[in-house]
Every structure is written in structure tokens, then in C-alpha cells.
């Protein structure tokens, strides 16, 4: 939050169950690391802070970037945290080495707005930048292995989409895509194999601020400064529903595992939606 406060909400009641002051600077990203019972935050003072999820006591604080930190991405199995910021770099931190920076990824020429990990291999990643591009990386190398160019303005957000083929039980039918959202008001779908844009999706009337593929449902969602959220079919890339949140600009997307519930962070509060999936 812009106040530097971190709030933990109950997913069912949407009531604030815990709240604590992290910093006097705006907090740009906060993530749970469940296996460590941690909350990690990133803020405009360039610092990453780690808190005990139960007590909210500060576990670790360190200076991570030379400018605002925009994005955090914990690795699902390894003791690693990725961070991206306005200093145009992505950094990899190993908490088993007392949060040593083990890798710096350089290549963007403007702010890096988000970093996302490939859910299929846990080794490759994608970044979105205001230099109008996305870059592809391998965790073992400091140099980008590819660039996705096609947006007319800065790219704010990125996520991976695993889309099933006709036979959902056949893993060979799984297709990996990258989703991106931009200040050009569009969402693009990129083929990870060919690195080509296969669809440009229009529907928003202002900057696209976040895009997320649901890990369990066959959908992905985009949100925008126009105050709307759009639910897209993950196979056909067609719109299934458009909702006006009524809470001004929309900035963040979350989901609850094992359910159809999704939550959205907006200027004027949070909104929970029960997503309906057509058979």
C-alpha cells in the first residue's frame, strides 16, 4: 500500500485479520512463502523485508535495488526469491545463503515491472518492462535468451499460461504461452516455442495493469486502469465475461486454490468474484 502498511485479509470474510507497518515508503509487492511461514515485501526504498507470518516480526531486511522494487516472485521449490525494479535489473536471492544475491539479470533499458517463473520447469523466466518488450531468461545465465517485441507502449505485466489441448489427460497436448499486458491497452499471447505473438486481445480502454493465468481453471484474467476485469478462455482466447469492478482502477489479481473464487485489488478496495466456467 502507499502508506507502507501491509494488511492480511481473510479470504472468505474479506476482513483484515492482521496489519502492520513495513515502511514509510509505498509497498509495491508482497508475497507469502508458505513453506517458511514468511511474508516478503518490496518497497520504493529499494528494500526487501521478510516477516514471520504468525507474529509479523521482522526476520530480515536488506537493500536490494537502487530504485523502486516493482515485483517479487518466490520460487515454488528452491530457496530463491526473484525481484525486479526501476533500476532495470532482475535479481535472484538465496535465503539459505543469508539472502545472498546469486544472479543479476541485465538487458532491459527501462523499468522492469514484473518477473514470472515458468511453471513447467522452474528454471526459465520472463520479464515485462516499460521499454515495450518482454525478455526471456534461463536462471543459470545472466544474459537474456530471447526478446518478445510487439507492444506499442510499455509492458506492465507478464504471466505463463499452460493451455491444455483437446485431450486434457494427455500432458503432450499441453501448450505453453506467455501473457503480457501493456499501456497500449492490449493483452498479447505469445507462443513460447516460436516466440511469436499468436493473439492480440483487445477490450480494455486504458492501461492493462495485471494479467494472470488461473492455475486450476481454464481461464486467464486481465485488469486495467479502466476499472474492468476481463475473463478469457485459455484455449480459444475469447472473452467469457467482462466486469466493471466499480472501485476505480484495478491493479492486482489473486485466487484461492481449490475454488472458483478470485480477488482483485483496486484503488477503492478489494473485490471477490466467483468465476463461472461454462461446460
Protein backbone atom coordinates (compact mmCIF):
# COMPACT_ATOMS: atom_id res chain seq x y z
CA UNK A 1 0.00 0.00 0.00
CA UNK A 2 1.07 3.60 -0.50
CA UNK A 3 1.01 4.07 3.27
CA UNK A 4 3.71 1.43 3.70
CA UNK A 5 1.24 -0.75 5.56
CA UNK A 6 0.74 -4.47 4.92
CA UNK A 7 -2.68 -5.98 5.51
CA UNK A 8 -3.63 -9.65 5.66
CA UNK A 9 -7.25 -10.35 4.80
CA UNK A 10 -9.45 -13.37 5.44
CA UNK A 11 -10.37 -14.71 2.00
CA UNK A 12 -13.92 -15.66 3.00
CA UNK A 13 -14.93 -12.64 5.08
CA UNK A 14 -12.59 -10.11 3.42
CA UNK A 15 -11.97 -8.76 6.92
CA UNK A 16 -8.48 -7.54 7.86
CA UNK A 17 -7.05 -10.09 10.30
CA UNK A 18 -3.59 -8.56 10.65
CA UNK A 19 -1.99 -5.26 9.77
CA UNK A 20 1.49 -3.91 10.30
CA UNK A 21 3.64 -1.01 9.18
CA UNK A 22 6.51 -2.16 6.98
CA UNK A 23 7.98 1.20 5.94
CA UNK A 24 7.21 4.86 5.36
CA UNK A 25 7.52 4.20 1.63
CA UNK A 26 4.85 2.63 -0.62
CA UNK A 27 4.91 -1.17 -0.68
CA UNK A 28 4.82 -2.32 -4.31
CA UNK A 29 4.74 -6.09 -3.82
CA UNK A 30 4.04 -8.58 -1.02
CA UNK A 31 4.16 -12.38 -1.23
CA UNK A 32 3.58 -15.32 1.06
CA UNK A 33 6.24 -18.04 1.26
CA UNK A 34 4.11 -20.72 2.95
CA UNK A 35 6.83 -23.34 3.48
CA UNK A 36 8.79 -20.82 5.58
CA UNK A 37 5.73 -19.13 7.10
CA UNK A 38 7.05 -15.81 5.79
CA UNK A 39 5.66 -12.69 4.21
CA UNK A 40 8.13 -10.84 1.99
CA UNK A 41 7.61 -7.24 0.93
CA UNK A 42 9.26 -4.91 -1.56
CA UNK A 43 9.00 -1.16 -1.43
CA UNK A 44 10.02 2.11 -3.03
CA UNK A 45 13.01 2.48 -0.71
CA UNK A 46 14.67 -0.39 -2.60
CA UNK A 47 14.46 -2.77 0.36
CA UNK A 48 13.14 -6.29 0.75
CA UNK A 49 11.74 -7.17 4.16
CA UNK A 50 10.90 -10.62 5.49
CA UNK A 51 8.33 -11.09 8.24
CA UNK A 52 7.15 -14.00 10.33
CA UNK A 53 3.64 -14.72 9.06
CA UNK A 54 2.28 -15.56 12.53
CA UNK A 55 3.84 -12.84 14.66
CA UNK A 56 4.58 -10.25 11.90
CA UNK A 57 8.00 -9.81 13.48
CA UNK A 58 10.76 -8.66 11.13
CA UNK A 59 13.04 -11.58 10.22
CA UNK A 60 15.32 -9.90 7.69
CA UNK A 61 15.71 -6.52 5.99
CA UNK A 62 18.19 -5.69 3.25
CA UNK A 63 18.81 -3.17 0.49
CA UNK A 64 18.07 -4.99 -2.77
CA UNK A 65 17.74 -2.44 -5.60
CA UNK A 66 18.94 1.07 -6.36
CA UNK A 67 15.40 2.25 -7.17
CA UNK A 68 11.77 1.23 -6.61
CA UNK A 69 11.15 -2.53 -6.45
CA UNK A 70 8.14 -3.44 -8.58
CA UNK A 71 7.83 -7.21 -8.37
CA UNK A 72 8.66 -10.23 -6.22
CA UNK A 73 8.46 -13.87 -7.33
CA UNK A 74 9.29 -16.71 -4.90
CA UNK A 75 10.49 -19.98 -6.42
CA UNK A 76 7.97 -22.77 -5.68
CA UNK A 77 10.57 -25.33 -4.52
CA UNK A 78 14.05 -23.78 -4.32
CA UNK A 79 15.15 -21.28 -1.62
CA UNK A 80 15.11 -18.44 -4.12
CA UNK A 81 13.33 -15.12 -4.49
CA UNK A 82 13.34 -13.06 -7.67
CA UNK A 83 12.97 -9.27 -7.57
CA UNK A 84 12.61 -6.68 -10.32
CA UNK A 85 12.83 -2.93 -10.17
CA UNK A 86 13.18 0.50 -11.67
CA UNK A 87 16.97 0.07 -11.78
CA UNK A 88 16.27 -2.07 -14.90
CA UNK A 89 17.53 -5.35 -13.44
CA UNK A 90 16.21 -8.60 -12.01
CA UNK A 91 17.99 -10.14 -9.04
CA UNK A 92 17.95 -13.63 -7.58
CA UNK A 93 18.26 -14.03 -3.79
CA UNK A 94 19.12 -17.26 -1.93
CA UNK A 95 17.73 -17.24 1.60
CA UNK A 96 19.73 -20.33 2.58
CA UNK A 97 22.84 -18.21 1.98
CA UNK A 98 21.56 -15.41 4.22
CA UNK A 99 19.85 -13.74 1.26
CA UNK A 100 22.93 -13.59 -0.92
CA UNK A 101 22.35 -12.17 -4.40
CA UNK A 102 23.34 -15.08 -6.65
CA UNK A 103 22.38 -13.66 -10.04
CA UNK A 104 21.76 -10.27 -11.68
CA UNK A 105 19.88 -10.24 -14.98
CA UNK A 106 20.57 -7.18 -17.13
CA UNK A 107 19.18 -6.32 -20.55
CA UNK A 108 16.17 -4.06 -20.24
CA UNK A 109 16.52 -0.34 -20.98
CA UNK A 110 13.64 0.83 -18.77
CA UNK A 111 11.88 -0.16 -15.54
CA UNK A 112 11.28 -3.89 -15.07
CA UNK A 113 7.66 -4.09 -13.97
CA UNK A 114 7.23 -7.81 -13.31
CA UNK A 115 9.04 -11.14 -13.33
CA UNK A 116 7.35 -14.53 -13.72
CA UNK A 117 8.67 -18.10 -13.47
CA UNK A 118 7.88 -20.84 -15.97
CA UNK A 119 5.61 -23.24 -14.01
CA UNK A 120 6.66 -26.25 -16.09
CA UNK A 121 10.41 -26.19 -15.48
CA UNK A 122 11.07 -23.71 -12.66
CA UNK A 123 14.26 -22.68 -14.48
CA UNK A 124 13.19 -20.20 -17.15
CA UNK A 125 11.54 -16.86 -16.56
CA UNK A 126 10.03 -13.89 -18.33
CA UNK A 127 10.17 -10.18 -17.53
CA UNK A 128 7.99 -7.24 -18.57
CA UNK A 129 9.42 -3.76 -19.00
CA UNK A 130 8.44 -0.23 -19.89
CA UNK A 131 10.95 -0.48 -22.75
CA UNK A 132 7.98 -2.07 -24.66
CA UNK A 133 9.47 -5.56 -24.53
CA UNK A 134 9.44 -8.83 -22.68
CA UNK A 135 12.64 -10.76 -22.20
CA UNK A 136 13.16 -14.48 -21.67
CA UNK A 137 15.85 -15.81 -19.37
CA UNK A 138 17.35 -19.01 -18.06
CA UNK A 139 18.07 -19.00 -14.35
CA UNK A 140 21.57 -20.33 -14.99
CA UNK A 141 22.66 -17.48 -17.26
CA UNK A 142 22.82 -13.69 -16.77
CA UNK A 143 22.02 -12.96 -20.43
CA UNK A 144 18.55 -12.94 -21.98
CA UNK A 145 17.83 -15.87 -24.30
CA UNK A 146 15.06 -14.12 -26.20
CA UNK A 147 13.01 -10.95 -26.58
CA UNK A 148 9.32 -10.56 -27.35
CA UNK A 149 8.68 -7.30 -29.18
CA UNK A 150 5.33 -6.09 -30.44
CA UNK A 151 3.68 -3.88 -27.86
CA UNK A 152 3.44 -0.22 -28.89
CA UNK A 153 3.95 1.02 -25.33
CA UNK A 154 5.40 -0.16 -22.04
CA UNK A 155 4.63 -3.66 -20.78
CA UNK A 156 3.32 -3.74 -17.23
CA UNK A 157 2.70 -7.40 -16.54
CA UNK A 158 3.56 -10.95 -17.56
CA UNK A 159 2.47 -14.49 -16.71
CA UNK A 160 2.79 -18.00 -18.10
CA UNK A 161 -0.25 -19.88 -19.39
CA UNK A 162 -0.34 -23.66 -19.64
CA UNK A 163 -3.19 -24.43 -22.01
CA UNK A 164 -4.49 -27.99 -22.45
CA UNK A 165 -5.23 -29.43 -25.87
CA UNK A 166 -8.28 -31.39 -26.86
CA UNK A 167 -7.38 -34.22 -24.51
CA UNK A 168 -6.91 -32.77 -21.04
CA UNK A 169 -5.46 -36.05 -19.76
CA UNK A 170 -2.59 -36.05 -22.23
CA UNK A 171 0.34 -33.99 -20.97
CA UNK A 172 1.77 -33.98 -24.50
CA UNK A 173 -1.14 -31.75 -25.53
CA UNK A 174 -0.12 -29.02 -23.06
CA UNK A 175 0.94 -25.81 -24.76
CA UNK A 176 2.95 -23.11 -23.02
CA UNK A 177 2.22 -19.46 -23.71
CA UNK A 178 3.28 -16.13 -22.23
CA UNK A 179 0.68 -13.47 -21.47
CA UNK A 180 1.52 -9.77 -21.41
CA UNK A 181 -0.43 -6.59 -20.69
CA UNK A 182 0.57 -3.13 -21.79
CA UNK A 183 -0.02 0.61 -21.73
CA UNK A 184 -1.18 0.17 -25.33
CA UNK A 185 -4.42 -1.23 -23.75
CA UNK A 186 -3.87 -4.72 -25.18
CA UNK A 187 -3.12 -8.21 -23.92
CA UNK A 188 -0.85 -10.34 -26.08
CA UNK A 189 -0.48 -14.12 -26.16
CA UNK A 190 2.96 -15.40 -27.16
CA UNK A 191 3.96 -18.91 -28.21
CA UNK A 192 6.88 -19.94 -26.01
CA UNK A 193 8.33 -22.25 -28.66
CA UNK A 194 8.26 -19.90 -31.63
CA UNK A 195 8.47 -16.66 -29.59
CA UNK A 196 5.77 -15.23 -31.87
CA UNK A 197 2.64 -13.35 -30.90
CA UNK A 198 -0.33 -15.60 -31.72
CA UNK A 199 -3.10 -13.31 -30.48
CA UNK A 200 -3.57 -9.65 -29.64
CA UNK A 201 -6.57 -9.29 -27.36
CA UNK A 202 -8.49 -6.03 -27.20
CA UNK A 203 -11.23 -5.00 -24.85
CA UNK A 204 -9.68 -2.63 -22.33
CA UNK A 205 -9.84 1.13 -22.79
CA UNK A 206 -6.89 2.02 -20.58
CA UNK A 207 -3.55 0.61 -19.43
CA UNK A 208 -3.56 -3.12 -18.65
CA UNK A 209 -2.08 -3.38 -15.16
CA UNK A 210 -2.12 -7.11 -14.42
CA UNK A 211 -2.69 -10.40 -16.19
CA UNK A 212 -2.87 -13.84 -14.60
CA UNK A 213 -3.48 -17.39 -15.73
CA UNK A 214 -5.55 -19.38 -13.25
CA UNK A 215 -3.53 -22.47 -12.21
CA UNK A 216 -6.60 -24.73 -11.95
CA UNK A 217 -9.33 -23.27 -14.15
CA UNK A 218 -9.14 -22.98 -17.99
CA UNK A 219 -9.10 -19.18 -17.93
CA UNK A 220 -6.87 -16.19 -17.62
CA UNK A 221 -7.79 -12.71 -16.42
CA UNK A 222 -6.67 -9.19 -17.27
CA UNK A 223 -7.39 -6.00 -15.33
CA UNK A 224 -6.94 -2.37 -16.19
CA UNK A 225 -6.92 1.24 -15.14
CA UNK A 226 -10.30 1.41 -16.92
CA UNK A 227 -11.78 -0.27 -13.83
CA UNK A 228 -12.68 -3.54 -15.56
CA UNK A 229 -11.62 -7.15 -15.41
CA UNK A 230 -11.90 -9.43 -18.42
CA UNK A 231 -12.03 -13.22 -18.15
CA UNK A 232 -10.63 -15.02 -21.20
CA UNK A 233 -10.95 -18.64 -22.30
CA UNK A 234 -7.47 -20.21 -22.06
CA UNK A 235 -7.97 -22.35 -25.18
CA UNK A 236 -9.85 -20.10 -27.59
CA UNK A 237 -8.59 -16.75 -26.20
CA UNK A 238 -12.17 -15.45 -26.43
CA UNK A 239 -13.81 -13.20 -23.84
CA UNK A 240 -16.07 -15.13 -21.49
CA UNK A 241 -17.02 -12.24 -19.22
CA UNK A 242 -16.31 -8.56 -18.64
CA UNK A 243 -16.99 -6.97 -15.26
CA UNK A 244 -16.80 -3.37 -14.12
CA UNK A 245 -15.38 -3.51 -10.62
CA UNK A 246 -16.81 -0.15 -9.60
CA UNK A 247 -13.75 0.55 -7.44
CA UNK A 248 -11.82 2.72 -9.88
CA UNK A 249 -8.51 1.40 -11.23
CA UNK A 250 -7.71 -2.31 -10.80
CA UNK A 251 -4.12 -3.28 -10.01
CA UNK A 252 -3.83 -6.84 -8.74
CA UNK A 253 -5.23 -10.35 -9.20
CA UNK A 254 -5.35 -13.22 -6.73
CA UNK A 255 -7.06 -16.58 -6.49
CA UNK A 256 -7.99 -19.20 -3.90
CA UNK A 257 -6.81 -22.71 -4.70
CA UNK A 258 -9.48 -25.37 -4.92
CA UNK A 259 -12.26 -22.92 -5.65
CA UNK A 260 -13.66 -20.61 -8.32
CA UNK A 261 -13.05 -17.54 -6.19
CA UNK A 262 -10.78 -14.76 -7.38
CA UNK A 263 -9.93 -11.47 -5.70
CA UNK A 264 -8.95 -8.14 -7.22
CA UNK A 265 -7.16 -5.18 -5.68
CA UNK A 266 -8.45 -1.76 -6.70
CA UNK A 267 -7.97 1.90 -5.82
CA UNK A 268 -11.04 1.87 -3.58
CA UNK A 269 -10.84 -1.60 -2.06
CA UNK A 270 -10.93 -5.28 -2.91
CA UNK A 271 -13.47 -7.27 -4.90
CA UNK A 272 -14.12 -11.01 -4.73
CA UNK A 273 -15.66 -12.76 -7.73
CA UNK A 274 -16.98 -16.32 -8.03
CA UNK A 275 -15.94 -17.23 -11.55
CA UNK A 276 -18.39 -19.36 -13.56
CA UNK A 277 -16.86 -21.81 -16.02
CA UNK A 278 -19.00 -22.91 -18.95
CA UNK A 279 -19.04 -26.67 -19.57
